[in-house]
Amino acid sequence: MFHTDGYETHAGLLAPARFEALAAHFEAKLAALPEGQRPEHMDVPHLTDPVLFRWLLDPDVLDLVESLIGPDIALFSSHFICKPAGDGQPVPWHQDAHFWRDSIDPAGDAVTVWLAIDPSTVENGCLRVIPGSHRAPVEHTGTADSFFNQETAVDESRAVDVELERGACSVHSAMLVHGSPPNRSTVRRCGYTMRYMPTTVRFLKPDSHRIYLARGRDHAGNAYSSTESS
């Protein structure tokens, strides 16, 4: 399904105890957010919180990624996207690769694992995808949307809702067109996105970001940071 549709889902990813530990860690991070900071924008938390490598480099996570992109894997990024009940922000339709093209090359080779910290449903603003849209880049245009400054137009009649139980995950290509509506429900929606790429991908911005060799060996001459020093 991943290669034909650009995404797939899995009923579970982490062992139950490991998942609950991650969920508890997230709750502590959420409670510690500075006043006024939106929870949708908890981006690259692993760069300042190395405890997150326990889950980003978990063998079960990397086994899933390896089944899709091969045994030589770099950790590119991560992001807690938490939509609070009532006013959770929408994410406009986009391809991740469009926003990553100045950071990694080819950006379309990266993948995102979307792990449901909370149940993710139609009611609370789950991920929506356009199956098969990963085969070619699409045009993005400027917008005043609150999450991104660009988006792409889609035929929403083709959209599929990716509903996930707590602890389940989806994984999608960086080329897949996807987005999500606002959360107007009474239930929070949080996911942890874990982003990886094959080590054949070149990393273009070592002065402003850090990547990590998660498994295997490098093939692009990239410089990797140590998880112990992060």
C-alpha atoms as a PDB file:
ATOM      1  CA  MET A   1       0.000   0.000   0.000  1.00  0.00           C
ATOM      2  CA  PHE A   2       2.827   2.418   0.787  1.00  0.00           C
ATOM      3  CA  HIS A   3       4.345   2.204  -2.678  1.00  0.00           C
ATOM      4  CA  THR A   4       1.030   2.372  -4.536  1.00  0.00           C
ATOM      5  CA  ASP A   5      -0.857   4.878  -2.348  1.00  0.00           C
ATOM      6  CA  GLY A   6       1.998   6.753  -0.659  1.00  0.00           C
ATOM      7  CA  TYR A   7       0.976   5.750   2.865  1.00  0.00           C
ATOM      8  CA  GLU A   8      -0.030   2.831   5.062  1.00  0.00           C
ATOM      9  CA  THR A   9      -1.276   2.276   8.610  1.00  0.00           C
ATOM     10  CA  HIS A  10      -0.317  -0.092  11.433  1.00  0.00           C
ATOM     11  CA  ALA A  11      -2.381  -1.065  14.470  1.00  0.00           C
ATOM     12  CA  GLY A  12       0.595  -0.782  16.820  1.00  0.00           C
ATOM     13  CA  LEU A  13       4.178   0.417  16.708  1.00  0.00           C
ATOM     14  CA  LEU A  14       5.835   0.523  20.124  1.00  0.00           C
ATOM     15  CA  ALA A  15       5.568  -2.094  22.855  1.00  0.00           C
ATOM     16  CA  PRO A  16       2.767  -1.014  25.236  1.00  0.00           C
ATOM     17  CA  ALA A  17       5.038  -0.040  28.122  1.00  0.00           C
ATOM     18  CA  ARG A  18       7.294   1.955  25.821  1.00  0.00           C
ATOM     19  CA  PHE A  19       4.336   3.737  24.272  1.00  0.00           C
ATOM     20  CA  GLU A  20       2.918   4.665  27.685  1.00  0.00           C
ATOM     21  CA  ALA A  21       6.309   6.025  28.707  1.00  0.00           C
ATOM     22  CA  LEU A  22       6.372   8.221  25.598  1.00  0.00           C
ATOM     23  CA  ALA A  23       2.811   9.418  26.239  1.00  0.00           C
ATOM     24  CA  ALA A  24       3.724  10.347  29.822  1.00  0.00           C
ATOM     25  CA  HIS A  25       6.842  12.147  28.604  1.00  0.00           C
ATOM     26  CA  PHE A  26       4.746  14.147  26.161  1.00  0.00           C
ATOM     27  CA  GLU A  27       2.246  15.127  28.861  1.00  0.00           C
ATOM     28  CA  ALA A  28       5.094  16.510  30.953  1.00  0.00           C
ATOM     29  CA  LYS A  29       6.419  18.498  28.002  1.00  0.00           C
ATOM     30  CA  LEU A  30       2.956  19.843  27.236  1.00  0.00           C
ATOM     31  CA  ALA A  31       2.449  20.929  30.843  1.00  0.00           C
ATOM     32  CA  ALA A  32       5.780  22.777  30.742  1.00  0.00           C
ATOM     33  CA  LEU A  33       5.026  24.816  27.610  1.00  0.00           C
ATOM     34  CA  PRO A  34       5.569  28.541  28.112  1.00  0.00           C
ATOM     35  CA  GLU A  35       2.405  30.557  28.450  1.00  0.00           C
ATOM     36  CA  GLY A  36       1.023  31.534  25.077  1.00  0.00           C
ATOM     37  CA  GLN A  37       2.906  28.899  23.046  1.00  0.00           C
ATOM     38  CA  ARG A  38       0.645  26.865  20.786  1.00  0.00           C
ATOM     39  CA  PRO A  39       0.938  23.083  21.274  1.00  0.00           C
ATOM     40  CA  GLU A  40       0.737  22.470  17.511  1.00  0.00           C
ATOM     41  CA  HIS A  41       4.255  23.838  17.123  1.00  0.00           C
ATOM     42  CA  MET A  42       6.360  21.600  19.367  1.00  0.00           C
ATOM     43  CA  ASP A  43       8.854  21.155  16.529  1.00  0.00           C
ATOM     44  CA  VAL A  44      12.204  19.281  16.668  1.00  0.00           C
ATOM     45  CA  PRO A  45      11.844  18.594  20.418  1.00  0.00           C
ATOM     46  CA  HIS A  46      14.580  15.948  20.294  1.00  0.00           C
ATOM     47  CA  LEU A  47      17.195  18.640  19.635  1.00  0.00           C
ATOM     48  CA  THR A  48      16.775  19.910  23.189  1.00  0.00           C
ATOM     49  CA  ASP A  49      15.352  16.770  24.823  1.00  0.00           C
ATOM     50  CA  PRO A  50      17.629  13.779  24.105  1.00  0.00           C
ATOM     51  CA  VAL A  51      15.355  11.454  26.109  1.00  0.00           C
ATOM     52  CA  LEU A  52      13.221  11.311  22.947  1.00  0.00           C
ATOM     53  CA  PHE A  53      15.906   9.255  21.201  1.00  0.00           C
ATOM     54  CA  ARG A  54      14.670   6.302  23.284  1.00  0.00           C
ATOM     55  CA  TRP A  55      11.648   6.231  20.980  1.00  0.00           C
ATOM     56  CA  LEU A  56      13.024   7.762  17.794  1.00  0.00           C
ATOM     57  CA  LEU A  57      15.659   4.999  17.654  1.00  0.00           C
ATOM     58  CA  ASP A  58      13.444   2.225  19.001  1.00  0.00           C
ATOM     59  CA  PRO A  59      14.114  -1.012  17.049  1.00  0.00           C
ATOM     60  CA  ASP A  60      10.430  -1.518  16.275  1.00  0.00           C
ATOM     61  CA  VAL A  61      10.220   1.959  14.762  1.00  0.00           C
ATOM     62  CA  LEU A  62      13.384   1.473  12.734  1.00  0.00           C
ATOM     63  CA  ASP A  63      12.240  -1.974  11.555  1.00  0.00           C
ATOM     64  CA  LEU A  64       9.131  -0.358  10.082  1.00  0.00           C
ATOM     65  CA  VAL A  65      11.168   2.392   8.436  1.00  0.00           C
ATOM     66  CA  GLU A  66      13.677  -0.148   7.093  1.00  0.00           C
ATOM     67  CA  SER A  67      10.885  -2.108   5.428  1.00  0.00           C
ATOM     68  CA  LEU A  68      10.128   1.013   3.376  1.00  0.00           C
ATOM     69  CA  ILE A  69      13.446   2.749   2.675  1.00  0.00           C
ATOM     70  CA  GLY A  70      16.115   0.116   3.331  1.00  0.00           C
ATOM     71  CA  PRO A  71      18.628  -0.622   6.104  1.00  0.00           C
ATOM     72  CA  ASP A  72      20.658   2.597   6.024  1.00  0.00           C
ATOM     73  CA  ILE A  73      18.570   5.170   7.879  1.00  0.00           C
ATOM     74  CA  ALA A  74      19.072   8.743   9.092  1.00  0.00           C
ATOM     75  CA  LEU A  75      16.809  10.455  11.601  1.00  0.00           C
ATOM     76  CA  PHE A  76      15.886  13.768   9.976  1.00  0.00           C
ATOM     77  CA  SER A  77      13.382  15.407  12.331  1.00  0.00           C
ATOM     78  CA  SER A  78      10.455  15.010  14.733  1.00  0.00           C
ATOM     79  CA  HIS A  79       7.464  17.080  15.815  1.00  0.00           C
ATOM     80  CA  PHE A  80       4.675  16.801  18.374  1.00  0.00           C
ATOM     81  CA  ILE A  81       1.568  18.131  16.615  1.00  0.00           C
ATOM     82  CA  CYS A  82      -1.023  18.596  19.338  1.00  0.00           C
ATOM     83  CA  LYS A  83      -4.416  20.050  18.430  1.00  0.00           C
ATOM     84  CA  PRO A  84      -6.219  21.132  21.591  1.00  0.00           C
ATOM     85  CA  ALA A  85      -9.940  20.593  21.872  1.00  0.00           C
ATOM     86  CA  GLY A  86     -12.093  23.395  20.521  1.00  0.00           C
ATOM     87  CA  ASP A  87      -9.524  25.496  18.687  1.00  0.00           C
ATOM     88  CA  GLY A  88      -6.932  23.098  17.266  1.00  0.00           C
ATOM     89  CA  GLN A  89      -5.402  24.582  14.133  1.00  0.00           C
ATOM     90  CA  PRO A  90      -5.834  23.059  10.658  1.00  0.00           C
ATOM     91  CA  VAL A  91      -2.870  21.939   8.545  1.00  0.00           C
ATOM     92  CA  PRO A  92      -3.329  22.921   4.880  1.00  0.00           C
ATOM     93  CA  TRP A  93      -2.869  20.497   2.007  1.00  0.00           C
ATOM     94  CA  HIS A  94       0.822  20.114   1.195  1.00  0.00           C
ATOM     95  CA  GLN A  95       3.714  17.827   0.322  1.00  0.00           C
ATOM     96  CA  ASP A  96       6.432  17.673   2.996  1.00  0.00           C
ATOM     97  CA  ALA A  97       9.110  17.485   0.304  1.00  0.00           C
ATOM     98  CA  HIS A  98       8.184  20.958  -0.918  1.00  0.00           C
ATOM     99  CA  PHE A  99       9.197  22.454   2.434  1.00  0.00           C
ATOM    100  CA  TRP A 100      12.272  20.247   2.870  1.00  0.00           C
ATOM    101  CA  ARG A 101      13.794  20.719  -0.589  1.00  0.00           C
ATOM    102  CA  ASP A 102      16.377  23.245   0.686  1.00  0.00           C
ATOM    103  CA  SER A 103      17.405  20.969   3.563  1.00  0.00           C
ATOM    104  CA  ILE A 104      17.703  17.512   2.023  1.00  0.00           C
ATOM    105  CA  ASP A 105      18.157  16.205  -1.519  1.00  0.00           C
ATOM    106  CA  PRO A 106      16.207  14.387  -2.832  1.00  0.00           C
ATOM    107  CA  ALA A 107      13.596  15.500  -0.289  1.00  0.00           C
ATOM    108  CA  GLY A 108      11.003  13.144  -1.705  1.00  0.00           C
ATOM    109  CA  ASP A 109      12.873  10.094  -0.412  1.00  0.00           C
ATOM    110  CA  ALA A 110      12.071  10.900   3.246  1.00  0.00           C
ATOM    111  CA  VAL A 111       9.208   9.308   5.171  1.00  0.00           C
ATOM    112  CA  THR A 112       7.156  10.297   8.192  1.00  0.00           C
ATOM    113  CA  VAL A 113       5.900   7.940  10.893  1.00  0.00           C
ATOM    114  CA  TRP A 114       2.804   9.515  12.508  1.00  0.00           C
ATOM    115  CA  LEU A 115       2.258   7.943  15.934  1.00  0.00           C
ATOM    116  CA  ALA A 116      -1.094   8.601  17.600  1.00  0.00           C
ATOM    117  CA  ILE A 117      -0.567   9.794  21.177  1.00  0.00           C
ATOM    118  CA  ASP A 118      -4.350  10.331  21.322  1.00  0.00           C
ATOM    119  CA  PRO A 119      -7.041   8.673  19.214  1.00  0.00           C
ATOM    120  CA  SER A 120      -7.118  10.533  15.893  1.00  0.00           C
ATOM    121  CA  THR A 121     -10.601  10.730  14.361  1.00  0.00           C
ATOM    122  CA  VAL A 122     -12.634  12.655  11.829  1.00  0.00           C
ATOM    123  CA  GLU A 123     -14.205  14.565  14.695  1.00  0.00           C
ATOM    124  CA  ASN A 124     -10.951  15.847  16.191  1.00  0.00           C
ATOM    125  CA  GLY A 125      -9.088  16.636  12.992  1.00  0.00           C
ATOM    126  CA  CYS A 126      -7.298  13.477  11.848  1.00  0.00           C
ATOM    127  CA  LEU A 127      -4.784  13.312   9.025  1.00  0.00           C
ATOM    128  CA  ARG A 128      -6.303  13.345   5.535  1.00  0.00           C
ATOM    129  CA  VAL A 129      -4.416  12.100   2.465  1.00  0.00           C
ATOM    130  CA  ILE A 130      -4.763  12.014  -1.305  1.00  0.00           C
ATOM    131  CA  PRO A 131      -3.815   8.422  -2.211  1.00  0.00           C
ATOM    132  CA  GLY A 132      -1.389   8.156  -5.122  1.00  0.00           C
ATOM    133  CA  SER A 133      -0.420  11.839  -5.005  1.00  0.00           C
ATOM    134  CA  HIS A 134       3.168  10.946  -4.090  1.00  0.00           C
ATOM    135  CA  ARG A 135       4.140  10.180  -7.671  1.00  0.00           C
ATOM    136  CA  ALA A 136       4.925  13.768  -8.717  1.00  0.00           C
ATOM    137  CA  PRO A 137       5.518  17.201  -7.171  1.00  0.00           C
ATOM    138  CA  VAL A 138       2.610  19.632  -7.072  1.00  0.00           C
ATOM    139  CA  GLU A 139       2.491  23.414  -7.099  1.00  0.00           C
ATOM    140  CA  HIS A 140       2.199  25.282  -3.801  1.00  0.00           C
ATOM    141  CA  THR A 141       0.940  28.850  -3.557  1.00  0.00           C
ATOM    142  CA  GLY A 142       1.084  31.486  -0.853  1.00  0.00           C
ATOM    143  CA  THR A 143      -1.575  31.636   1.838  1.00  0.00           C
ATOM    144  CA  ALA A 144      -2.159  33.396   5.133  1.00  0.00           C
ATOM    145  CA  ASP A 145      -2.971  30.104   6.836  1.00  0.00           C
ATOM    146  CA  SER A 146      -1.900  29.926  10.468  1.00  0.00           C
ATOM    147  CA  PHE A 147       0.191  26.752  10.125  1.00  0.00           C
ATOM    148  CA  PHE A 148       2.121  27.122   6.841  1.00  0.00           C
ATOM    149  CA  ASN A 149       2.640  30.012   4.478  1.00  0.00           C
ATOM    150  CA  GLN A 150       1.987  27.855   1.418  1.00  0.00           C
ATOM    151  CA  GLU A 151      -0.480  25.166   0.393  1.00  0.00           C
ATOM    152  CA  THR A 152      -1.630  23.191  -2.623  1.00  0.00           C
ATOM    153  CA  ALA A 153      -5.095  22.850  -4.143  1.00  0.00           C
ATOM    154  CA  VAL A 154      -6.675  19.383  -4.196  1.00  0.00           C
ATOM    155  CA  ASP A 155      -9.819  17.599  -5.257  1.00  0.00           C
ATOM    156  CA  GLU A 156     -11.124  16.786  -1.776  1.00  0.00           C
ATOM    157  CA  SER A 157     -13.483  14.179  -3.179  1.00  0.00           C
ATOM    158  CA  ARG A 158     -10.373  11.968  -3.446  1.00  0.00           C
ATOM    159  CA  ALA A 159      -9.343  12.515   0.184  1.00  0.00           C
ATOM    160  CA  VAL A 160      -9.142   9.630   2.666  1.00  0.00           C
ATOM    161  CA  ASP A 161      -9.416  10.128   6.430  1.00  0.00           C
ATOM    162  CA  VAL A 162      -6.640   8.326   8.314  1.00  0.00           C
ATOM    163  CA  GLU A 163      -8.257   7.504  11.647  1.00  0.00           C
ATOM    164  CA  LEU A 164      -5.965   5.910  14.238  1.00  0.00           C
ATOM    165  CA  GLU A 165      -6.455   4.360  17.639  1.00  0.00           C
ATOM    166  CA  ARG A 166      -4.166   5.468  20.435  1.00  0.00           C
ATOM    167  CA  GLY A 167      -0.757   3.840  19.881  1.00  0.00           C
ATOM    168  CA  ALA A 168      -1.404   3.089  16.206  1.00  0.00           C
ATOM    169  CA  CYS A 169       0.537   4.794  13.445  1.00  0.00           C
ATOM    170  CA  SER A 170       0.531   5.759   9.828  1.00  0.00           C
ATOM    171  CA  VAL A 171       3.601   6.236   7.666  1.00  0.00           C
ATOM    172  CA  HIS A 172       3.656   8.393   4.561  1.00  0.00           C
ATOM    173  CA  SER A 173       5.987   9.482   1.801  1.00  0.00           C
ATOM    174  CA  ALA A 174       7.354  13.035   1.858  1.00  0.00           C
ATOM    175  CA  MET A 175       5.717  13.385  -1.560  1.00  0.00           C
ATOM    176  CA  LEU A 176       2.209  12.480  -0.400  1.00  0.00           C
ATOM    177  CA  VAL A 177      -0.295  15.344  -0.449  1.00  0.00           C
ATOM    178  CA  HIS A 178      -1.869  15.506   2.992  1.00  0.00           C
ATOM    179  CA  GLY A 179      -3.347  17.878   5.557  1.00  0.00           C
ATOM    180  CA  SER A 180      -5.853  17.961   8.383  1.00  0.00           C
ATOM    181  CA  PRO A 181      -8.889  20.043   9.385  1.00  0.00           C
ATOM    182  CA  PRO A 182      -9.219  22.048  12.600  1.00  0.00           C
ATOM    183  CA  ASN A 183     -10.172  20.352  15.843  1.00  0.00           C
ATOM    184  CA  ARG A 184     -13.542  21.734  16.893  1.00  0.00           C
ATOM    185  CA  SER A 185     -14.379  18.732  19.058  1.00  0.00           C
ATOM    186  CA  THR A 186     -14.203  18.382  22.839  1.00  0.00           C
ATOM    187  CA  VAL A 187     -11.315  15.864  22.564  1.00  0.00           C
ATOM    188  CA  ARG A 188      -7.608  16.672  22.101  1.00  0.00           C
ATOM    189  CA  ARG A 189      -5.693  15.202  19.154  1.00  0.00           C
ATOM    190  CA  CYS A 190      -1.930  14.684  19.403  1.00  0.00           C
ATOM    191  CA  GLY A 191       0.506  12.813  17.207  1.00  0.00           C
ATOM    192  CA  TYR A 192       4.286  12.428  17.266  1.00  0.00           C
ATOM    193  CA  THR A 193       5.780  12.655  13.793  1.00  0.00           C
ATOM    194  CA  MET A 194       9.107  10.885  13.430  1.00  0.00           C
ATOM    195  CA  ARG A 195      10.876  11.654  10.161  1.00  0.00           C
ATOM    196  CA  TYR A 196      13.556   9.522   8.513  1.00  0.00           C
ATOM    197  CA  MET A 197      15.446   9.315   5.228  1.00  0.00           C
ATOM    198  CA  PRO A 198      17.748   6.821   3.534  1.00  0.00           C
ATOM    199  CA  THR A 199      21.391   7.771   3.953  1.00  0.00           C
ATOM    200  CA  THR A 200      21.675   8.190   0.177  1.00  0.00           C
ATOM    201  CA  VAL A 201      19.938  11.541   0.733  1.00  0.00           C
ATOM    202  CA  ARG A 202      22.270  14.525   1.051  1.00  0.00           C
ATOM    203  CA  PHE A 203      21.869  16.797   4.067  1.00  0.00           C
ATOM    204  CA  LEU A 204      22.243  20.436   2.957  1.00  0.00           C
ATOM    205  CA  LYS A 205      22.015  22.491   6.171  1.00  0.00           C
ATOM    206  CA  PRO A 206      24.431  21.173   8.816  1.00  0.00           C
ATOM    207  CA  ASP A 207      24.871  24.699  10.244  1.00  0.00           C
ATOM    208  CA  SER A 208      21.192  25.102  11.178  1.00  0.00           C
ATOM    209  CA  HIS A 209      19.941  21.588  11.936  1.00  0.00           C
ATOM    210  CA  ARG A 210      21.222  18.204  13.075  1.00  0.00           C
ATOM    211  CA  ILE A 211      20.631  14.719  11.727  1.00  0.00           C
ATOM    212  CA  TYR A 212      21.523  11.355  13.245  1.00  0.00           C
ATOM    213  CA  LEU A 213      22.620   8.011  11.861  1.00  0.00           C
ATOM    214  CA  ALA A 214      19.845   5.749  13.120  1.00  0.00           C
ATOM    215  CA  ARG A 215      20.853   2.454  11.502  1.00  0.00           C
ATOM    216  CA  GLY A 216      23.354   1.165   8.965  1.00  0.00           C
ATOM    217  CA  ARG A 217      25.956   3.353   7.259  1.00  0.00           C
ATOM    218  CA  ASP A 218      26.187   6.606   5.353  1.00  0.00           C
ATOM    219  CA  HIS A 219      26.149   6.757   1.543  1.00  0.00           C
ATOM    220  CA  ALA A 220      26.053  10.524   0.902  1.00  0.00           C
ATOM    221  CA  GLY A 221      29.011  11.942   2.835  1.00  0.00           C
ATOM    222  CA  ASN A 222      26.734  13.439   5.481  1.00  0.00           C
ATOM    223  CA  ALA A 223      27.924  14.601   8.902  1.00  0.00           C
ATOM    224  CA  TYR A 224      25.872  13.088  11.743  1.00  0.00           C
ATOM    225  CA  SER A 225      25.516  14.354  15.285  1.00  0.00           C
ATOM    226  CA  SER A 226      25.838  12.152  18.349  1.00  0.00           C
ATOM    227  CA  THR A 227      22.693  11.372  20.300  1.00  0.00           C
ATOM    228  CA  GLU A 228      24.760  11.443  23.489  1.00  0.00           C
ATOM    229  CA  SER A 229      25.792  15.068  23.020  1.00  0.00           C
ATOM    230  CA  SER A 230      22.403  16.453  21.940  1.00  0.00           C
END
